Amino acid sequence: MFFELRRYTTQPGKQAEFAKFMDDVVVPFQRAKGMDILGNFTGENDDTAYVWIRRFKSEDERKQLYAAVYESDEWKNEIGPKLPALMDVKSINVTRLEATAKSAIQ
């Protein structure tokens, strides 16, 4: 099992709008496709920071879920095209993490 820590930079003045779009559209859509999303966060002292964490059982599962989400017509035609107005898509930073033996999140 492993996690993705995904860090985004929202467009100036768009953090609240982006967080709402994630809460109302992106997260429910990805969960419906089987994605395990553990949490999503905005920066307390950084009004452009947005972070979320996803969990995968294996690399094979990650590949299957990526395909189900990012190759879908809904993502390509409806959801994905809205993102550049809300976030700097070139600044996406993804860190893969493995939980330690005593981590509260497994």
PDB file of N, CA and C in Angstrom:
ATOM      1  N   MET A   1       0.841  -1.163   0.000  1.00  0.00           N
ATOM      2  CA  MET A   1       0.000   0.000   0.000  1.00  0.00           C
ATOM      3  C   MET A   1       0.895   1.238   0.000  1.00  0.00           C
ATOM      4  N   PHE A   2       0.425   2.294  -0.690  1.00  0.00           N
ATOM      5  CA  PHE A   2       1.153   3.553  -0.675  1.00  0.00           C
ATOM      6  C   PHE A   2       0.171   4.702  -0.835  1.00  0.00           C
ATOM      7  N   PHE A   3       0.669   5.892  -0.639  1.00  0.00           N
ATOM      8  CA  PHE A   3      -0.140   7.102  -0.667  1.00  0.00           C
ATOM      9  C   PHE A   3       0.434   8.073  -1.682  1.00  0.00           C
ATOM     10  N   GLU A   4      -0.423   8.947  -2.166  1.00  0.00           N
ATOM     11  CA  GLU A   4       0.009  10.105  -2.946  1.00  0.00           C
ATOM     12  C   GLU A   4      -0.321  11.348  -2.136  1.00  0.00           C
ATOM     13  N   LEU A   5       0.679  12.162  -1.892  1.00  0.00           N
ATOM     14  CA  LEU A   5       0.488  13.492  -1.339  1.00  0.00           C
ATOM     15  C   LEU A   5       0.542  14.430  -2.530  1.00  0.00           C
ATOM     16  N   ARG A   6      -0.581  15.030  -2.852  1.00  0.00           N
ATOM     17  CA  ARG A   6      -0.682  15.874  -4.042  1.00  0.00           C
ATOM     18  C   ARG A   6      -0.792  17.334  -3.610  1.00  0.00           C
ATOM     19  N   ARG A   7       0.174  18.147  -4.049  1.00  0.00           N
ATOM     20  CA  ARG A   7       0.210  19.566  -3.683  1.00  0.00           C
ATOM     21  C   ARG A   7      -0.004  20.415  -4.927  1.00  0.00           C
ATOM     22  N   TYR A   8      -0.977  21.308  -4.823  1.00  0.00           N
ATOM     23  CA  TYR A   8      -1.331  22.186  -5.936  1.00  0.00           C
ATOM     24  C   TYR A   8      -1.196  23.644  -5.513  1.00  0.00           C
ATOM     25  N   THR A   9      -1.002  24.494  -6.499  1.00  0.00           N
ATOM     26  CA  THR A   9      -1.031  25.940  -6.296  1.00  0.00           C
ATOM     27  C   THR A   9      -2.248  26.467  -7.049  1.00  0.00           C
ATOM     28  N   THR A  10      -3.155  27.085  -6.301  1.00  0.00           N
ATOM     29  CA  THR A  10      -4.352  27.634  -6.951  1.00  0.00           C
ATOM     30  C   THR A  10      -4.018  28.971  -7.595  1.00  0.00           C
ATOM     31  N   GLN A  11      -4.828  29.360  -8.556  1.00  0.00           N
ATOM     32  CA  GLN A  11      -4.680  30.679  -9.161  1.00  0.00           C
ATOM     33  C   GLN A  11      -4.950  31.731  -8.091  1.00  0.00           C
ATOM     34  N   PRO A  12      -4.309  32.900  -8.187  1.00  0.00           N
ATOM     35  CA  PRO A  12      -4.519  33.938  -7.169  1.00  0.00           C
ATOM     36  C   PRO A  12      -6.013  34.242  -6.975  1.00  0.00           C
ATOM     37  N   GLY A  13      -6.436  34.241  -5.733  1.00  0.00           N
ATOM     38  CA  GLY A  13      -7.821  34.550  -5.400  1.00  0.00           C
ATOM     39  C   GLY A  13      -8.809  33.426  -5.664  1.00  0.00           C
ATOM     40  N   LYS A  14      -8.327  32.242  -6.051  1.00  0.00           N
ATOM     41  CA  LYS A  14      -9.217  31.138  -6.444  1.00  0.00           C
ATOM     42  C   LYS A  14      -9.207  29.955  -5.472  1.00  0.00           C
ATOM     43  N   GLN A  15      -8.507  30.053  -4.345  1.00  0.00           N
ATOM     44  CA  GLN A  15      -8.397  28.912  -3.443  1.00  0.00           C
ATOM     45  C   GLN A  15      -9.764  28.409  -2.976  1.00  0.00           C
ATOM     46  N   ALA A  16     -10.632  29.293  -2.512  1.00  0.00           N
ATOM     47  CA  ALA A  16     -11.947  28.878  -2.005  1.00  0.00           C
ATOM     48  C   ALA A  16     -12.783  28.256  -3.120  1.00  0.00           C
ATOM     49  N   GLU A  17     -12.740  28.849  -4.302  1.00  0.00           N
ATOM     50  CA  GLU A  17     -13.496  28.309  -5.443  1.00  0.00           C
ATOM     51  C   GLU A  17     -12.950  26.934  -5.857  1.00  0.00           C
ATOM     52  N   PHE A  18     -11.630  26.802  -5.849  1.00  0.00           N
ATOM     53  CA  PHE A  18     -11.029  25.526  -6.197  1.00  0.00           C
ATOM     54  C   PHE A  18     -11.383  24.463  -5.160  1.00  0.00           C
ATOM     55  N   ALA A  19     -11.297  24.804  -3.878  1.00  0.00           N
ATOM     56  CA  ALA A  19     -11.634  23.851  -2.813  1.00  0.00           C
ATOM     57  C   ALA A  19     -13.083  23.387  -2.955  1.00  0.00           C
ATOM     58  N   LYS A  20     -13.989  24.295  -3.276  1.00  0.00           N
ATOM     59  CA  LYS A  20     -15.396  23.927  -3.471  1.00  0.00           C
ATOM     60  C   LYS A  20     -15.550  23.013  -4.685  1.00  0.00           C
ATOM     61  N   PHE A  21     -14.842  23.307  -5.771  1.00  0.00           N
ATOM     62  CA  PHE A  21     -14.885  22.466  -6.968  1.00  0.00           C
ATOM     63  C   PHE A  21     -14.362  21.064  -6.647  1.00  0.00           C
ATOM     64  N   MET A  22     -13.303  20.996  -5.891  1.00  0.00           N
ATOM     65  CA  MET A  22     -12.775  19.688  -5.480  1.00  0.00           C
ATOM     66  C   MET A  22     -13.801  18.951  -4.627  1.00  0.00           C
ATOM     67  N   ASP A  23     -14.350  19.635  -3.614  1.00  0.00           N
ATOM     68  CA  ASP A  23     -15.326  19.008  -2.705  1.00  0.00           C
ATOM     69  C   ASP A  23     -16.600  18.568  -3.419  1.00  0.00           C
ATOM     70  N   ASP A  24     -17.066  19.387  -4.338  1.00  0.00           N
ATOM     71  CA  ASP A  24     -18.368  19.142  -4.978  1.00  0.00           C
ATOM     72  C   ASP A  24     -18.299  18.314  -6.251  1.00  0.00           C
ATOM     73  N   VAL A  25     -17.163  18.349  -6.945  1.00  0.00           N
ATOM     74  CA  VAL A  25     -17.071  17.709  -8.262  1.00  0.00           C
ATOM     75  C   VAL A  25     -15.964  16.647  -8.322  1.00  0.00           C
ATOM     76  N   VAL A  26     -14.733  17.059  -8.112  1.00  0.00           N
ATOM     77  CA  VAL A  26     -13.593  16.175  -8.352  1.00  0.00           C
ATOM     78  C   VAL A  26     -13.568  14.996  -7.388  1.00  0.00           C
ATOM     79  N   VAL A  27     -13.643  15.265  -6.098  1.00  0.00           N
ATOM     80  CA  VAL A  27     -13.562  14.184  -5.117  1.00  0.00           C
ATOM     81  C   VAL A  27     -14.725  13.202  -5.276  1.00  0.00           C
ATOM     82  N   PRO A  28     -15.981  13.665  -5.369  1.00  0.00           N
ATOM     83  CA  PRO A  28     -17.069  12.694  -5.575  1.00  0.00           C
ATOM     84  C   PRO A  28     -16.915  11.887  -6.868  1.00  0.00           C
ATOM     85  N   PHE A  29     -16.469  12.537  -7.938  1.00  0.00           N
ATOM     86  CA  PHE A  29     -16.266  11.835  -9.211  1.00  0.00           C
ATOM     87  C   PHE A  29     -15.200  10.749  -9.063  1.00  0.00           C
ATOM     88  N   GLN A  30     -14.055  11.120  -8.457  1.00  0.00           N
ATOM     89  CA  GLN A  30     -12.973  10.144  -8.318  1.00  0.00           C
ATOM     90  C   GLN A  30     -13.358   9.025  -7.360  1.00  0.00           C
ATOM     91  N   ARG A  31     -14.057   9.346  -6.285  1.00  0.00           N
ATOM     92  CA  ARG A  31     -14.511   8.288  -5.374  1.00  0.00           C
ATOM     93  C   ARG A  31     -15.476   7.336  -6.079  1.00  0.00           C
ATOM     94  N   ALA A  32     -16.327   7.861  -6.919  1.00  0.00           N
ATOM     95  CA  ALA A  32     -17.273   7.017  -7.661  1.00  0.00           C
ATOM     96  C   ALA A  32     -16.544   6.062  -8.595  1.00  0.00           C
ATOM     97  N   LYS A  33     -15.347   6.444  -9.024  1.00  0.00           N
ATOM     98  CA  LYS A  33     -14.524   5.580  -9.879  1.00  0.00           C
ATOM     99  C   LYS A  33     -13.692   4.598  -9.065  1.00  0.00           C
ATOM    100  N   GLY A  34     -13.744   4.698  -7.722  1.00  0.00           N
ATOM    101  CA  GLY A  34     -13.023   3.773  -6.860  1.00  0.00           C
ATOM    102  C   GLY A  34     -11.816   4.347  -6.146  1.00  0.00           C
ATOM    103  N   MET A  35     -11.511   5.616  -6.361  1.00  0.00           N
ATOM    104  CA  MET A  35     -10.347   6.253  -5.754  1.00  0.00           C
ATOM    105  C   MET A  35     -10.564   6.392  -4.249  1.00  0.00           C
ATOM    106  N   ASP A  36      -9.542   6.066  -3.455  1.00  0.00           N
ATOM    107  CA  ASP A  36      -9.592   6.187  -2.000  1.00  0.00           C
ATOM    108  C   ASP A  36      -8.934   7.508  -1.616  1.00  0.00           C
ATOM    109  N   ILE A  37      -9.741   8.503  -1.296  1.00  0.00           N
ATOM    110  CA  ILE A  37      -9.248   9.837  -0.956  1.00  0.00           C
ATOM    111  C   ILE A  37      -9.377  10.014   0.552  1.00  0.00           C
ATOM    112  N   LEU A  38      -8.252  10.223   1.216  1.00  0.00           N
ATOM    113  CA  LEU A  38      -8.228  10.279   2.675  1.00  0.00           C
ATOM    114  C   LEU A  38      -8.501  11.659   3.232  1.00  0.00           C
ATOM    115  N   GLY A  39      -8.146  12.686   2.494  1.00  0.00           N
ATOM    116  CA  GLY A  39      -8.373  14.037   2.999  1.00  0.00           C
ATOM    117  C   GLY A  39      -7.912  15.074   2.005  1.00  0.00           C
ATOM    118  N   ASN A  40      -8.478  16.265   2.132  1.00  0.00           N
ATOM    119  CA  ASN A  40      -8.080  17.389   1.300  1.00  0.00           C
ATOM    120  C   ASN A  40      -8.049  18.634   2.184  1.00  0.00           C
ATOM    121  N   PHE A  41      -7.103  19.539   1.874  1.00  0.00           N
ATOM    122  CA  PHE A  41      -6.771  20.629   2.778  1.00  0.00           C
ATOM    123  C   PHE A  41      -6.425  21.895   1.999  1.00  0.00           C
ATOM    124  N   THR A  42      -6.683  23.041   2.614  1.00  0.00           N
ATOM    125  CA  THR A  42      -6.193  24.316   2.099  1.00  0.00           C
ATOM    126  C   THR A  42      -5.134  24.829   3.066  1.00  0.00           C
ATOM    127  N   GLY A  43      -4.261  25.693   2.575  1.00  0.00           N
ATOM    128  CA  GLY A  43      -3.208  26.235   3.422  1.00  0.00           C
ATOM    129  C   GLY A  43      -3.743  27.288   4.370  1.00  0.00           C
ATOM    130  N   GLU A  44      -3.435  27.144   5.630  1.00  0.00           N
ATOM    131  CA  GLU A  44      -3.895  28.101   6.637  1.00  0.00           C
ATOM    132  C   GLU A  44      -3.270  29.479   6.436  1.00  0.00           C
ATOM    133  N   ASN A  45      -1.986  29.492   6.118  1.00  0.00           N
ATOM    134  CA  ASN A  45      -1.269  30.753   5.940  1.00  0.00           C
ATOM    135  C   ASN A  45      -0.791  30.967   4.511  1.00  0.00           C
ATOM    136  N   ASP A  46      -1.307  30.177   3.596  1.00  0.00           N
ATOM    137  CA  ASP A  46      -0.940  30.281   2.178  1.00  0.00           C
ATOM    138  C   ASP A  46      -2.230  30.192   1.375  1.00  0.00           C
ATOM    139  N   ASP A  47      -2.668  31.317   0.845  1.00  0.00           N
ATOM    140  CA  ASP A  47      -3.964  31.347   0.165  1.00  0.00           C
ATOM    141  C   ASP A  47      -3.926  30.797  -1.257  1.00  0.00           C
ATOM    142  N   THR A  48      -2.832  30.127  -1.618  1.00  0.00           N
ATOM    143  CA  THR A  48      -2.781  29.438  -2.913  1.00  0.00           C
ATOM    144  C   THR A  48      -2.535  27.940  -2.750  1.00  0.00           C
ATOM    145  N   ALA A  49      -2.387  27.468  -1.513  1.00  0.00           N
ATOM    146  CA  ALA A  49      -2.036  26.060  -1.270  1.00  0.00           C
ATOM    147  C   ALA A  49      -3.281  25.183  -1.179  1.00  0.00           C
ATOM    148  N   TYR A  50      -3.196  24.034  -1.844  1.00  0.00           N
ATOM    149  CA  TYR A  50      -4.224  23.000  -1.746  1.00  0.00           C
ATOM    150  C   TYR A  50      -3.492  21.658  -1.748  1.00  0.00           C
ATOM    151  N   VAL A  51      -3.849  20.790  -0.803  1.00  0.00           N
ATOM    152  CA  VAL A  51      -3.181  19.496  -0.648  1.00  0.00           C
ATOM    153  C   VAL A  51      -4.243  18.434  -0.456  1.00  0.00           C
ATOM    154  N   TRP A  52      -4.016  17.266  -1.064  1.00  0.00           N
ATOM    155  CA  TRP A  52      -4.896  16.139  -0.783  1.00  0.00           C
ATOM    156  C   TRP A  52      -4.107  14.850  -0.806  1.00  0.00           C
ATOM    157  N   ILE A  53      -4.689  13.820  -0.188  1.00  0.00           N
ATOM    158  CA  ILE A  53      -4.000  12.541  -0.039  1.00  0.00           C
ATOM    159  C   ILE A  53      -4.884  11.418  -0.563  1.00  0.00           C
ATOM    160  N   ARG A  54      -4.298  10.591  -1.419  1.00  0.00           N
ATOM    161  CA  ARG A  54      -5.003   9.414  -1.948  1.00  0.00           C
ATOM    162  C   ARG A  54      -4.207   8.173  -1.558  1.00  0.00           C
ATOM    163  N   ARG A  55      -4.927   7.043  -1.398  1.00  0.00           N
ATOM    164  CA  ARG A  55      -4.289   5.776  -1.008  1.00  0.00           C
ATOM    165  C   ARG A  55      -4.548   4.728  -2.075  1.00  0.00           C
ATOM    166  N   PHE A  56      -3.519   3.910  -2.330  1.00  0.00           N
ATOM    167  CA  PHE A  56      -3.610   2.842  -3.317  1.00  0.00           C
ATOM    168  C   PHE A  56      -3.114   1.540  -2.704  1.00  0.00           C
ATOM    169  N   LYS A  57      -3.760   0.442  -3.037  1.00  0.00           N
ATOM    170  CA  LYS A  57      -3.351  -0.876  -2.550  1.00  0.00           C
ATOM    171  C   LYS A  57      -2.100  -1.373  -3.251  1.00  0.00           C
ATOM    172  N   SER A  58      -1.932  -0.963  -4.523  1.00  0.00           N
ATOM    173  CA  SER A  58      -0.804  -1.440  -5.317  1.00  0.00           C
ATOM    174  C   SER A  58      -0.608  -0.529  -6.521  1.00  0.00           C
ATOM    175  N   GLU A  59       0.509  -0.703  -7.198  1.00  0.00           N
ATOM    176  CA  GLU A  59       0.752   0.055  -8.425  1.00  0.00           C
ATOM    177  C   GLU A  59      -0.256  -0.329  -9.499  1.00  0.00           C
ATOM    178  N   ASP A  60      -0.628  -1.603  -9.567  1.00  0.00           N
ATOM    179  CA  ASP A  60      -1.637  -2.025 -10.540  1.00  0.00           C
ATOM    180  C   ASP A  60      -2.966  -1.317 -10.292  1.00  0.00           C
ATOM    181  N   GLU A  61      -3.370  -1.221  -9.025  1.00  0.00           N
ATOM    182  CA  GLU A  61      -4.616  -0.516  -8.724  1.00  0.00           C
ATOM    183  C   GLU A  61      -4.508   0.951  -9.120  1.00  0.00           C
ATOM    184  N   ARG A  62      -3.368   1.587  -8.811  1.00  0.00           N
ATOM    185  CA  ARG A  62      -3.184   2.994  -9.184  1.00  0.00           C
ATOM    186  C   ARG A  62      -3.348   3.183 -10.679  1.00  0.00           C
ATOM    187  N   LYS A  63      -2.726   2.323 -11.471  1.00  0.00           N
ATOM    188  CA  LYS A  63      -2.836   2.426 -12.933  1.00  0.00           C
ATOM    189  C   LYS A  63      -4.277   2.267 -13.392  1.00  0.00           C
ATOM    190  N   GLN A  64      -5.001   1.308 -12.814  1.00  0.00           N
ATOM    191  CA  GLN A  64      -6.402   1.089 -13.185  1.00  0.00           C
ATOM    192  C   GLN A  64      -7.256   2.295 -12.822  1.00  0.00           C
ATOM    193  N   LEU A  65      -7.047   2.852 -11.640  1.00  0.00           N
ATOM    194  CA  LEU A  65      -7.847   4.000 -11.214  1.00  0.00           C
ATOM    195  C   LEU A  65      -7.496   5.249 -12.002  1.00  0.00           C
ATOM    196  N   TYR A  66      -6.222   5.450 -12.290  1.00  0.00           N
ATOM    197  CA  TYR A  66      -5.835   6.584 -13.133  1.00  0.00           C
ATOM    198  C   TYR A  66      -6.545   6.490 -14.484  1.00  0.00           C
ATOM    199  N   ALA A  67      -6.551   5.310 -15.070  1.00  0.00           N
ATOM    200  CA  ALA A  67      -7.210   5.138 -16.365  1.00  0.00           C
ATOM    201  C   ALA A  67      -8.711   5.415 -16.246  1.00  0.00           C
ATOM    202  N   ALA A  68      -9.340   4.865 -15.198  1.00  0.00           N
ATOM    203  CA  ALA A  68     -10.784   5.060 -15.018  1.00  0.00           C
ATOM    204  C   ALA A  68     -11.133   6.535 -14.866  1.00  0.00           C
ATOM    205  N   VAL A  69     -10.288   7.279 -14.193  1.00  0.00           N
ATOM    206  CA  VAL A  69     -10.551   8.706 -13.971  1.00  0.00           C
ATOM    207  C   VAL A  69     -10.108   9.544 -15.163  1.00  0.00           C
ATOM    208  N   TYR A  70      -8.815   9.526 -15.457  1.00  0.00           N
ATOM    209  CA  TYR A  70      -8.232  10.493 -16.388  1.00  0.00           C
ATOM    210  C   TYR A  70      -8.461  10.174 -17.858  1.00  0.00           C
ATOM    211  N   GLU A  71      -8.862   8.948 -18.171  1.00  0.00           N
ATOM    212  CA  GLU A  71      -9.179   8.613 -19.563  1.00  0.00           C
ATOM    213  C   GLU A  71     -10.680   8.637 -19.827  1.00  0.00           C
ATOM    214  N   SER A  72     -11.463   8.985 -18.824  1.00  0.00           N
ATOM    215  CA  SER A  72     -12.919   9.028 -19.006  1.00  0.00           C
ATOM    216  C   SER A  72     -13.318  10.269 -19.795  1.00  0.00           C
ATOM    217  N   ASP A  73     -14.400  10.152 -20.532  1.00  0.00           N
ATOM    218  CA  ASP A  73     -14.917  11.291 -21.293  1.00  0.00           C
ATOM    219  C   ASP A  73     -15.304  12.431 -20.372  1.00  0.00           C
ATOM    220  N   GLU A  74     -15.889  12.112 -19.219  1.00  0.00           N
ATOM    221  CA  GLU A  74     -16.298  13.161 -18.280  1.00  0.00           C
ATOM    222  C   GLU A  74     -15.095  13.973 -17.797  1.00  0.00           C
ATOM    223  N   TRP A  75     -13.983  13.285 -17.499  1.00  0.00           N
ATOM    224  CA  TRP A  75     -12.791  14.015 -17.070  1.00  0.00           C
ATOM    225  C   TRP A  75     -12.228  14.847 -18.220  1.00  0.00           C
ATOM    226  N   LYS A  76     -12.079  14.228 -19.379  1.00  0.00           N
ATOM    227  CA  LYS A  76     -11.465  14.914 -20.519  1.00  0.00           C
ATOM    228  C   LYS A  76     -12.304  16.068 -21.053  1.00  0.00           C
ATOM    229  N   ASN A  77     -13.628  15.931 -21.018  1.00  0.00           N
ATOM    230  CA  ASN A  77     -14.494  16.924 -21.654  1.00  0.00           C
ATOM    231  C   ASN A  77     -15.141  17.918 -20.696  1.00  0.00           C
ATOM    232  N   GLU A  78     -15.317  17.529 -19.433  1.00  0.00           N
ATOM    233  CA  GLU A  78     -16.042  18.399 -18.514  1.00  0.00           C
ATOM    234  C   GLU A  78     -15.209  18.877 -17.333  1.00  0.00           C
ATOM    235  N   ILE A  79     -14.571  17.956 -16.648  1.00  0.00           N
ATOM    236  CA  ILE A  79     -13.874  18.319 -15.411  1.00  0.00           C
ATOM    237  C   ILE A  79     -12.497  18.918 -15.689  1.00  0.00           C
ATOM    238  N   GLY A  80     -11.661  18.183 -16.400  1.00  0.00           N
ATOM    239  CA  GLY A  80     -10.300  18.620 -16.672  1.00  0.00           C
ATOM    240  C   GLY A  80     -10.188  20.006 -17.286  1.00  0.00           C
ATOM    241  N   PRO A  81     -11.004  20.349 -18.285  1.00  0.00           N
ATOM    242  CA  PRO A  81     -10.883  21.669 -18.906  1.00  0.00           C
ATOM    243  C   PRO A  81     -11.154  22.841 -17.957  1.00  0.00           C
ATOM    244  N   LYS A  82     -11.814  22.614 -16.835  1.00  0.00           N
ATOM    245  CA  LYS A  82     -12.102  23.691 -15.881  1.00  0.00           C
ATOM    246  C   LYS A  82     -10.927  23.979 -14.949  1.00  0.00           C
ATOM    247  N   LEU A  83      -9.995  23.061 -14.851  1.00  0.00           N
ATOM    248  CA  LEU A  83      -8.921  23.201 -13.873  1.00  0.00           C
ATOM    249  C   LEU A  83      -7.962  24.366 -14.111  1.00  0.00           C
ATOM    250  N   PRO A  84      -7.511  24.656 -15.328  1.00  0.00           N
ATOM    251  CA  PRO A  84      -6.534  25.735 -15.503  1.00  0.00           C
ATOM    252  C   PRO A  84      -7.009  27.109 -15.017  1.00  0.00           C
ATOM    253  N   ALA A  85      -8.296  27.362 -15.026  1.00  0.00           N
ATOM    254  CA  ALA A  85      -8.801  28.649 -14.526  1.00  0.00           C
ATOM    255  C   ALA A  85      -8.727  28.729 -13.000  1.00  0.00           C
ATOM    256  N   LEU A  86      -8.614  27.572 -12.352  1.00  0.00           N
ATOM    257  CA  LEU A  86      -8.629  27.521 -10.888  1.00  0.00           C
ATOM    258  C   LEU A  86      -7.279  27.213 -10.265  1.00  0.00           C
ATOM    259  N   MET A  87      -6.405  26.533 -11.012  1.00  0.00           N
ATOM    260  CA  MET A  87      -5.112  26.134 -10.455  1.00  0.00           C
ATOM    261  C   MET A  87      -4.022  26.199 -11.519  1.00  0.00           C
ATOM    262  N   ASP A  88      -2.789  26.292 -11.054  1.00  0.00           N
ATOM    263  CA  ASP A  88      -1.635  26.265 -11.950  1.00  0.00           C
ATOM    264  C   ASP A  88      -1.313  24.794 -12.223  1.00  0.00           C
ATOM    265  N   VAL A  89      -1.813  24.288 -13.347  1.00  0.00           N
ATOM    266  CA  VAL A  89      -1.672  22.856 -13.635  1.00  0.00           C
ATOM    267  C   VAL A  89      -0.210  22.437 -13.825  1.00  0.00           C
ATOM    268  N   LYS A  90       0.674  23.375 -14.106  1.00  0.00           N
ATOM    269  CA  LYS A  90       2.090  23.043 -14.273  1.00  0.00           C
ATOM    270  C   LYS A  90       2.815  22.902 -12.931  1.00  0.00           C
ATOM    271  N   SER A  91       2.156  23.329 -11.854  1.00  0.00           N
ATOM    272  CA  SER A  91       2.823  23.296 -10.549  1.00  0.00           C
ATOM    273  C   SER A  91       2.447  22.073  -9.719  1.00  0.00           C
ATOM    274  N   ILE A  92       1.723  21.121 -10.282  1.00  0.00           N
ATOM    275  CA  ILE A  92       1.307  19.942  -9.528  1.00  0.00           C
ATOM    276  C   ILE A  92       2.547  19.195  -9.034  1.00  0.00           C
ATOM    277  N   ASN A  93       2.544  18.893  -7.748  1.00  0.00           N
ATOM    278  CA  ASN A  93       3.648  18.161  -7.133  1.00  0.00           C
ATOM    279  C   ASN A  93       3.067  16.930  -6.460  1.00  0.00           C
ATOM    280  N   VAL A  94       3.492  15.761  -6.896  1.00  0.00           N
ATOM    281  CA  VAL A  94       2.997  14.504  -6.341  1.00  0.00           C
ATOM    282  C   VAL A  94       4.155  13.764  -5.686  1.00  0.00           C
ATOM    283  N   THR A  95       3.984  13.436  -4.407  1.00  0.00           N
ATOM    284  CA  THR A  95       4.975  12.667  -3.665  1.00  0.00           C
ATOM    285  C   THR A  95       4.341  11.347  -3.258  1.00  0.00           C
ATOM    286  N   ARG A  96       4.983  10.251  -3.624  1.00  0.00           N
ATOM    287  CA  ARG A  96       4.502   8.931  -3.191  1.00  0.00           C
ATOM    288  C   ARG A  96       5.106   8.622  -1.838  1.00  0.00           C
ATOM    289  N   LEU A  97       4.251   8.140  -0.940  1.00  0.00           N
ATOM    290  CA  LEU A  97       4.653   7.885   0.431  1.00  0.00           C
ATOM    291  C   LEU A  97       4.273   6.479   0.856  1.00  0.00           C
ATOM    292  N   GLU A  98       5.065   5.895   1.735  1.00  0.00           N
ATOM    293  CA  GLU A  98       4.733   4.634   2.378  1.00  0.00           C
ATOM    294  C   GLU A  98       4.597   4.903   3.864  1.00  0.00           C
ATOM    295  N   ALA A  99       3.548   4.383   4.484  1.00  0.00           N
ATOM    296  CA  ALA A  99       3.327   4.576   5.905  1.00  0.00           C
ATOM    297  C   ALA A  99       4.365   3.786   6.713  1.00  0.00           C
ATOM    298  N   THR A 100       4.794   4.346   7.812  1.00  0.00           N
ATOM    299  CA  THR A 100       5.659   3.617   8.718  1.00  0.00           C
ATOM    300  C   THR A 100       4.825   2.595   9.489  1.00  0.00           C
ATOM    301  N   ALA A 101       5.469   1.690  10.142  1.00  0.00           N
ATOM    302  CA  ALA A 101       4.777   0.594  10.829  1.00  0.00           C
ATOM    303  C   ALA A 101       3.776   1.084  11.856  1.00  0.00           C
ATOM    304  N   LYS A 102       4.030   2.217  12.491  1.00  0.00           N
ATOM    305  CA  LYS A 102       3.127   2.706  13.540  1.00  0.00           C
ATOM    306  C   LYS A 102       2.339   3.939  13.114  1.00  0.00           C
ATOM    307  N   SER A 103       2.269   4.206  11.834  1.00  0.00           N
ATOM    308  CA  SER A 103       1.493   5.343  11.354  1.00  0.00           C
ATOM    309  C   SER A 103       0.017   5.152  11.652  1.00  0.00           C
ATOM    310  N   ALA A 104      -0.643   6.232  12.047  1.00  0.00           N
ATOM    311  CA  ALA A 104      -2.099   6.170  12.298  1.00  0.00           C
ATOM    312  C   ALA A 104      -2.867   5.934  11.004  1.00  0.00           C
ATOM    313  N   ILE A 105      -2.303   6.343   9.899  1.00  0.00           N
ATOM    314  CA  ILE A 105      -2.931   6.106   8.594  1.00  0.00           C
ATOM    315  C   ILE A 105      -2.243   4.915   7.957  1.00  0.00           C
ATOM    316  N   GLN A 106      -2.990   3.890   7.663  1.00  0.00           N
ATOM    317  CA  GLN A 106      -2.451   2.673   7.036  1.00  0.00           C
ATOM    318  C   GLN A 106      -3.190   2.392   5.744  1.00  0.00           C
TER     319      GLN A 106
END
